[in-house]
Amino acid sequence: MSWISEAHAVLDRIEQTQTAAIAEAAAIAADSIAAGSVVFAAGTGHSRIAVEELFPRYGSFPGFYPLVELSTTFHTQVVGNNGQRQAMFLERVEGLAEQVLANFALAPPQSMILFSASGQNAVSIEMAVLARRAGLPVVGVTSLAEYAASPPRHSSGQKLADVCDVVVDLCTPVGDSLCALDGLDTPIGPGTTLAGAAVVNSLKLATARILAARGRLPSVLTSAAVVGAERSQALFEDAYLDQAERSAAVLRVRAPRP
């Protein structure tokens, strides 16, 4: 057994079983972006990596709004202030999502994509609930093996897959790690980062195809090695300004004074 061979199996399962769900998610994302709005993308813990893979990256485009709280995703210090204990505690705190989303005027044509391998964390579950309550379609990217393996932790008795309009399965095993060692009861080598990136880039490509067919694909961030320095800089500048316009439009602001 090698991690790469096991990872190939995960990718094969995603391709064989999740194409339709990814297409549904792409249609939702394309509608939001084509309308000049955003697709909020959120995740806690290591799910932050999938959010960052959406935008801004080479080969990505405006419209995906990274909605990541540093307090729930800052892992590099591990111990001490800003440590792992605090981050893992905060992602399970009920009510935190409401405070995060209080910064935004949630309304269609916005939509939301939530990443959570376990599907158990309060922040992701409550973001989905609050977004749907505001009329946003919500996509959940999670492990259905994890969903089936343990009882819910949230006081509502729900997990992320229970509160989303579309669910994309990461196709990763219970506990995430892919490889077992003889004589060891703790498996090695997580798979959800790779699986999340595969889902994200499949979704991104499918969304781009829809937007291009409508003549609504924003500027794509592209390396100077591909299009030349001047063209690359122009694409980046246009994408950043595009993202700024979309972002300004979704922030919750004070009502105009009479």
Protein backbone atom coordinates (compact mmCIF):
# COMPACT_ATOMS: atom_id res chain seq x y z
CA MET A 1 0.00 0.00 0.00
CA SER A 2 1.26 3.49 -0.89
CA TRP A 3 -0.35 6.81 -0.15
CA ILE A 4 -0.30 7.71 -3.85
CA SER A 5 -2.11 4.52 -4.86
CA GLU A 6 -4.74 5.10 -2.18
CA ALA A 7 -5.07 8.73 -3.26
CA HIS A 8 -5.63 7.59 -6.85
CA ALA A 9 -8.48 5.44 -5.59
CA VAL A 10 -10.07 8.44 -3.87
CA LEU A 11 -9.80 10.52 -7.05
CA ASP A 12 -11.29 7.68 -9.10
CA ARG A 13 -14.25 7.46 -6.72
CA ILE A 14 -14.83 11.21 -6.99
CA GLU A 15 -14.77 11.06 -10.78
CA GLN A 16 -17.02 8.02 -10.94
CA THR A 17 -19.63 9.10 -8.40
CA GLN A 18 -19.57 12.89 -7.92
CA THR A 19 -19.66 14.32 -11.44
CA ALA A 20 -23.39 15.03 -11.31
CA ALA A 21 -23.22 16.71 -7.90
CA ILE A 22 -20.26 18.85 -9.01
CA ALA A 23 -22.25 19.87 -12.09
CA GLU A 24 -25.16 20.93 -9.86
CA ALA A 25 -22.78 22.94 -7.69
CA ALA A 26 -21.22 24.56 -10.76
CA ALA A 27 -24.63 25.63 -12.05
CA ILE A 28 -25.34 27.32 -8.71
CA ALA A 29 -21.95 29.06 -8.71
CA ALA A 30 -22.30 30.19 -12.32
CA ASP A 31 -25.69 31.78 -11.65
CA SER A 32 -24.23 33.83 -8.78
CA ILE A 33 -21.12 34.93 -10.65
CA ALA A 34 -22.95 35.71 -13.89
CA ALA A 35 -25.30 37.96 -11.91
CA GLY A 36 -22.32 39.98 -10.64
CA SER A 37 -22.56 38.52 -7.15
CA VAL A 38 -20.47 36.06 -5.13
CA VAL A 39 -20.24 32.47 -4.06
CA PHE A 40 -19.22 32.51 -0.41
CA ALA A 41 -16.72 29.73 0.29
CA ALA A 42 -16.08 28.76 3.89
CA GLY A 43 -14.34 26.10 5.92
CA THR A 44 -12.66 25.69 9.28
CA GLY A 45 -9.51 23.80 10.16
CA HIS A 46 -7.65 22.35 7.21
CA SER A 47 -10.72 22.89 5.02
CA ARG A 48 -9.34 26.39 4.63
CA ILE A 49 -7.00 24.90 2.00
CA ALA A 50 -9.92 24.05 -0.29
CA VAL A 51 -11.28 27.58 0.08
CA GLU A 52 -7.93 29.11 -0.88
CA GLU A 53 -7.74 26.79 -3.90
CA LEU A 54 -10.92 28.37 -5.28
CA PHE A 55 -9.63 31.96 -5.47
CA PRO A 56 -7.17 33.62 -5.80
CA ARG A 57 -4.99 31.09 -7.65
CA TYR A 58 -3.56 30.90 -11.13
CA GLY A 59 -6.33 29.50 -13.28
CA SER A 60 -9.06 30.99 -11.09
CA PHE A 61 -11.40 33.93 -11.46
CA PRO A 62 -13.39 36.41 -9.33
CA GLY A 63 -16.75 35.63 -7.82
CA PHE A 64 -15.69 33.10 -5.20
CA TYR A 65 -15.54 34.97 -1.87
CA PRO A 66 -13.20 33.29 0.65
CA LEU A 67 -15.00 33.43 3.98
CA VAL A 68 -12.42 32.08 6.42
CA GLU A 69 -12.02 33.06 10.06
CA LEU A 70 -8.35 33.10 11.04
CA SER A 71 -9.23 32.08 14.60
CA THR A 72 -10.62 28.75 13.38
CA THR A 73 -7.92 27.95 10.83
CA PHE A 74 -4.57 29.21 12.16
CA HIS A 75 -2.68 25.99 12.84
CA THR A 76 0.99 26.71 12.30
CA GLN A 77 1.79 27.75 15.87
CA VAL A 78 0.15 24.55 17.18
CA VAL A 79 0.65 25.40 20.88
CA GLY A 80 0.61 28.62 22.85
CA ASN A 81 -1.36 31.65 21.76
CA ASN A 82 -3.26 31.12 18.48
CA GLY A 83 -2.77 27.39 19.01
CA GLN A 84 -4.52 24.33 17.72
CA ARG A 85 -6.54 23.77 20.90
CA GLN A 86 -8.22 27.14 20.51
CA ALA A 87 -8.92 26.73 16.80
CA MET A 88 -10.50 23.30 17.28
CA PHE A 89 -12.58 24.63 20.17
CA LEU A 90 -13.84 27.68 18.29
CA GLU A 91 -14.99 25.79 15.20
CA ARG A 92 -17.38 23.88 17.48
CA VAL A 93 -18.83 26.93 19.22
CA GLU A 94 -22.50 27.39 18.45
CA GLY A 95 -23.41 30.97 17.60
CA LEU A 96 -20.06 31.95 16.09
CA ALA A 97 -21.34 31.58 12.52
CA GLU A 98 -24.08 34.11 13.18
CA GLN A 99 -21.50 36.68 14.27
CA VAL A 100 -19.38 36.04 11.16
CA LEU A 101 -22.33 36.34 8.80
CA ALA A 102 -23.59 39.49 10.55
CA ASN A 103 -20.97 41.30 8.46
CA PHE A 104 -22.84 40.51 5.25
CA ALA A 105 -26.18 41.33 3.67
CA LEU A 106 -27.11 37.79 2.68
CA ALA A 107 -29.52 37.59 -0.23
CA PRO A 108 -29.84 35.94 -3.63
CA PRO A 109 -28.21 35.82 -6.15
CA GLN A 110 -25.41 35.00 -3.69
CA SER A 111 -24.73 31.33 -2.94
CA MET A 112 -22.46 29.43 -0.56
CA ILE A 113 -20.08 26.46 -0.62
CA LEU A 114 -19.05 24.92 2.69
CA PHE A 115 -16.14 22.54 3.20
CA SER A 116 -16.06 20.20 6.20
CA ALA A 117 -14.63 16.70 6.04
CA SER A 118 -16.39 15.63 9.24
CA GLY A 119 -19.52 17.67 8.60
CA GLN A 120 -19.74 18.04 12.37
CA ASN A 121 -18.46 21.52 13.17
CA ALA A 122 -21.00 24.02 14.42
CA VAL A 123 -19.63 26.90 12.35
CA SER A 124 -20.16 25.11 9.02
CA ILE A 125 -23.56 23.67 9.96
CA GLU A 126 -24.89 27.02 11.18
CA MET A 127 -23.51 28.92 8.18
CA ALA A 128 -25.49 26.57 5.95
CA VAL A 129 -28.65 27.02 7.97
CA LEU A 130 -28.36 30.81 8.07
CA ALA A 131 -27.52 31.08 4.37
CA ARG A 132 -30.48 28.94 3.34
CA ARG A 133 -32.73 30.94 5.65
CA ALA A 134 -31.66 34.03 3.69
CA GLY A 135 -32.55 32.30 0.41
CA LEU A 136 -29.07 31.28 -0.71
CA PRO A 137 -28.53 27.86 -2.30
CA VAL A 138 -25.87 25.99 -0.34
CA VAL A 139 -23.39 23.34 -1.45
CA GLY A 140 -21.73 21.12 1.14
CA VAL A 141 -18.46 19.32 0.43
CA THR A 142 -17.97 16.60 3.02
CA SER A 143 -17.17 12.94 3.59
CA LEU A 144 -20.28 10.78 3.57
CA ALA A 145 -18.31 7.97 5.18
CA GLU A 146 -17.71 10.29 8.12
CA TYR A 147 -21.39 11.26 8.04
CA ALA A 148 -22.43 7.64 8.56
CA ALA A 149 -19.81 6.82 11.17
CA SER A 150 -20.71 8.88 14.21
CA PRO A 151 -23.63 10.61 15.93
CA PRO A 152 -24.07 14.36 15.46
CA ARG A 153 -22.39 16.78 17.86
CA HIS A 154 -24.51 19.84 17.09
CA SER A 155 -27.43 20.54 19.39
CA SER A 156 -29.81 20.46 16.41
CA GLY A 157 -28.95 16.83 15.78
CA GLN A 158 -27.82 17.71 12.26
CA LYS A 159 -24.62 17.47 10.25
CA LEU A 160 -23.54 19.53 7.26
CA ALA A 161 -24.98 17.09 4.71
CA ASP A 162 -28.40 17.45 6.35
CA VAL A 163 -28.63 21.20 5.77
CA CYS A 164 -27.35 21.68 2.21
CA ASP A 165 -29.12 21.79 -1.15
CA VAL A 166 -26.31 19.91 -2.92
CA VAL A 167 -23.81 17.55 -1.29
CA VAL A 168 -20.49 16.61 -2.88
CA ASP A 169 -18.82 13.59 -1.29
CA LEU A 170 -15.06 13.81 -0.75
CA CYS A 171 -15.00 9.99 -0.97
CA THR A 172 -12.46 9.80 1.85
CA PRO A 173 -12.60 7.20 4.63
CA VAL A 174 -13.58 7.58 8.25
CA GLY A 175 -10.74 9.33 10.05
CA ASP A 176 -9.45 10.82 6.77
CA SER A 177 -6.07 9.05 6.70
CA LEU A 178 -5.58 6.58 3.87
CA CYS A 179 -2.83 4.17 4.92
CA ALA A 180 -2.61 1.56 7.67
CA LEU A 181 0.63 0.21 9.11
CA ASP A 182 0.97 -3.30 10.50
CA GLY A 183 0.72 -3.28 14.26
CA LEU A 184 -0.44 0.34 14.41
CA ASP A 185 -4.02 1.36 15.12
CA THR A 186 -3.53 4.95 13.96
CA PRO A 187 -3.61 5.33 10.15
CA ILE A 188 -1.27 7.70 8.31
CA GLY A 189 -1.65 10.20 5.49
CA PRO A 190 -4.87 12.25 5.24
CA GLY A 191 -6.72 12.39 1.93
CA THR A 192 -9.20 15.23 2.28
CA THR A 193 -6.82 17.97 1.16
CA LEU A 194 -6.23 16.22 -2.16
CA ALA A 195 -9.91 15.33 -2.47
CA GLY A 196 -10.96 18.89 -1.70
CA ALA A 197 -8.59 20.29 -4.31
CA ALA A 198 -9.93 17.81 -6.87
CA VAL A 199 -13.52 18.82 -6.15
CA VAL A 200 -12.66 22.53 -6.19
CA ASN A 201 -10.85 22.47 -9.50
CA SER A 202 -13.48 20.27 -11.13
CA LEU A 203 -16.11 22.71 -9.88
CA LYS A 204 -14.07 25.69 -11.05
CA LEU A 205 -13.67 24.28 -14.55
CA ALA A 206 -17.34 23.34 -14.84
CA THR A 207 -18.34 26.82 -13.65
CA ALA A 208 -15.97 28.46 -16.15
CA ARG A 209 -17.49 26.46 -19.00
CA ILE A 210 -20.98 27.66 -18.10
CA LEU A 211 -19.86 31.28 -17.72
CA ALA A 212 -17.87 31.22 -20.96
CA ALA A 213 -20.90 29.88 -22.83
CA ARG A 214 -22.90 32.82 -21.47
CA GLY A 215 -20.17 35.34 -22.26
CA ARG A 216 -19.84 36.07 -18.52
CA LEU A 217 -16.47 34.55 -17.55
CA PRO A 218 -14.43 37.10 -15.54
CA SER A 219 -10.71 37.63 -16.06
CA VAL A 220 -8.74 34.50 -15.22
CA LEU A 221 -5.57 34.90 -13.15
CA THR A 222 -2.80 33.70 -15.48
CA SER A 223 0.97 33.52 -15.27
CA ALA A 224 3.17 35.85 -17.27
CA ALA A 225 4.92 32.73 -18.53
CA VAL A 226 1.71 31.85 -20.38
CA VAL A 227 0.35 35.19 -21.62
CA GLY A 228 3.24 37.62 -21.17
CA ALA A 229 3.90 40.09 -18.37
CA GLU A 230 1.68 42.90 -19.61
CA ARG A 231 -1.33 40.67 -20.25
CA SER A 232 -0.86 38.85 -16.95
CA GLN A 233 -0.74 42.11 -15.01
CA ALA A 234 -3.86 43.37 -16.77
CA LEU A 235 -5.74 40.18 -15.93
CA PHE A 236 -4.74 40.38 -12.27
CA GLU A 237 -5.71 44.03 -12.00
CA ASP A 238 -9.08 43.49 -13.64
CA ALA A 239 -9.77 40.44 -11.48
CA TYR A 240 -8.90 42.29 -8.27
CA LEU A 241 -11.11 45.23 -9.17
CA ASP A 242 -13.91 42.87 -10.15
CA GLN A 243 -13.60 41.06 -6.82
CA ALA A 244 -13.58 44.38 -4.96
CA GLU A 245 -16.84 45.43 -6.59
CA ARG A 246 -18.50 42.13 -5.78
CA SER A 247 -17.21 42.22 -2.19
CA ALA A 248 -18.38 45.77 -1.56
CA ALA A 249 -21.85 44.84 -2.75
CA VAL A 250 -22.31 42.03 -0.22
CA LEU A 251 -21.07 43.76 2.92
CA ARG A 252 -23.75 44.80 5.39
CA VAL A 253 -23.73 48.58 5.71
CA ARG A 254 -25.77 51.21 7.48
CA ALA A 255 -28.98 52.16 5.72
CA PRO A 256 -28.87 55.56 4.00
CA ARG A 257 -29.97 58.40 6.26
CA PRO A 258 -33.20 60.10 5.22
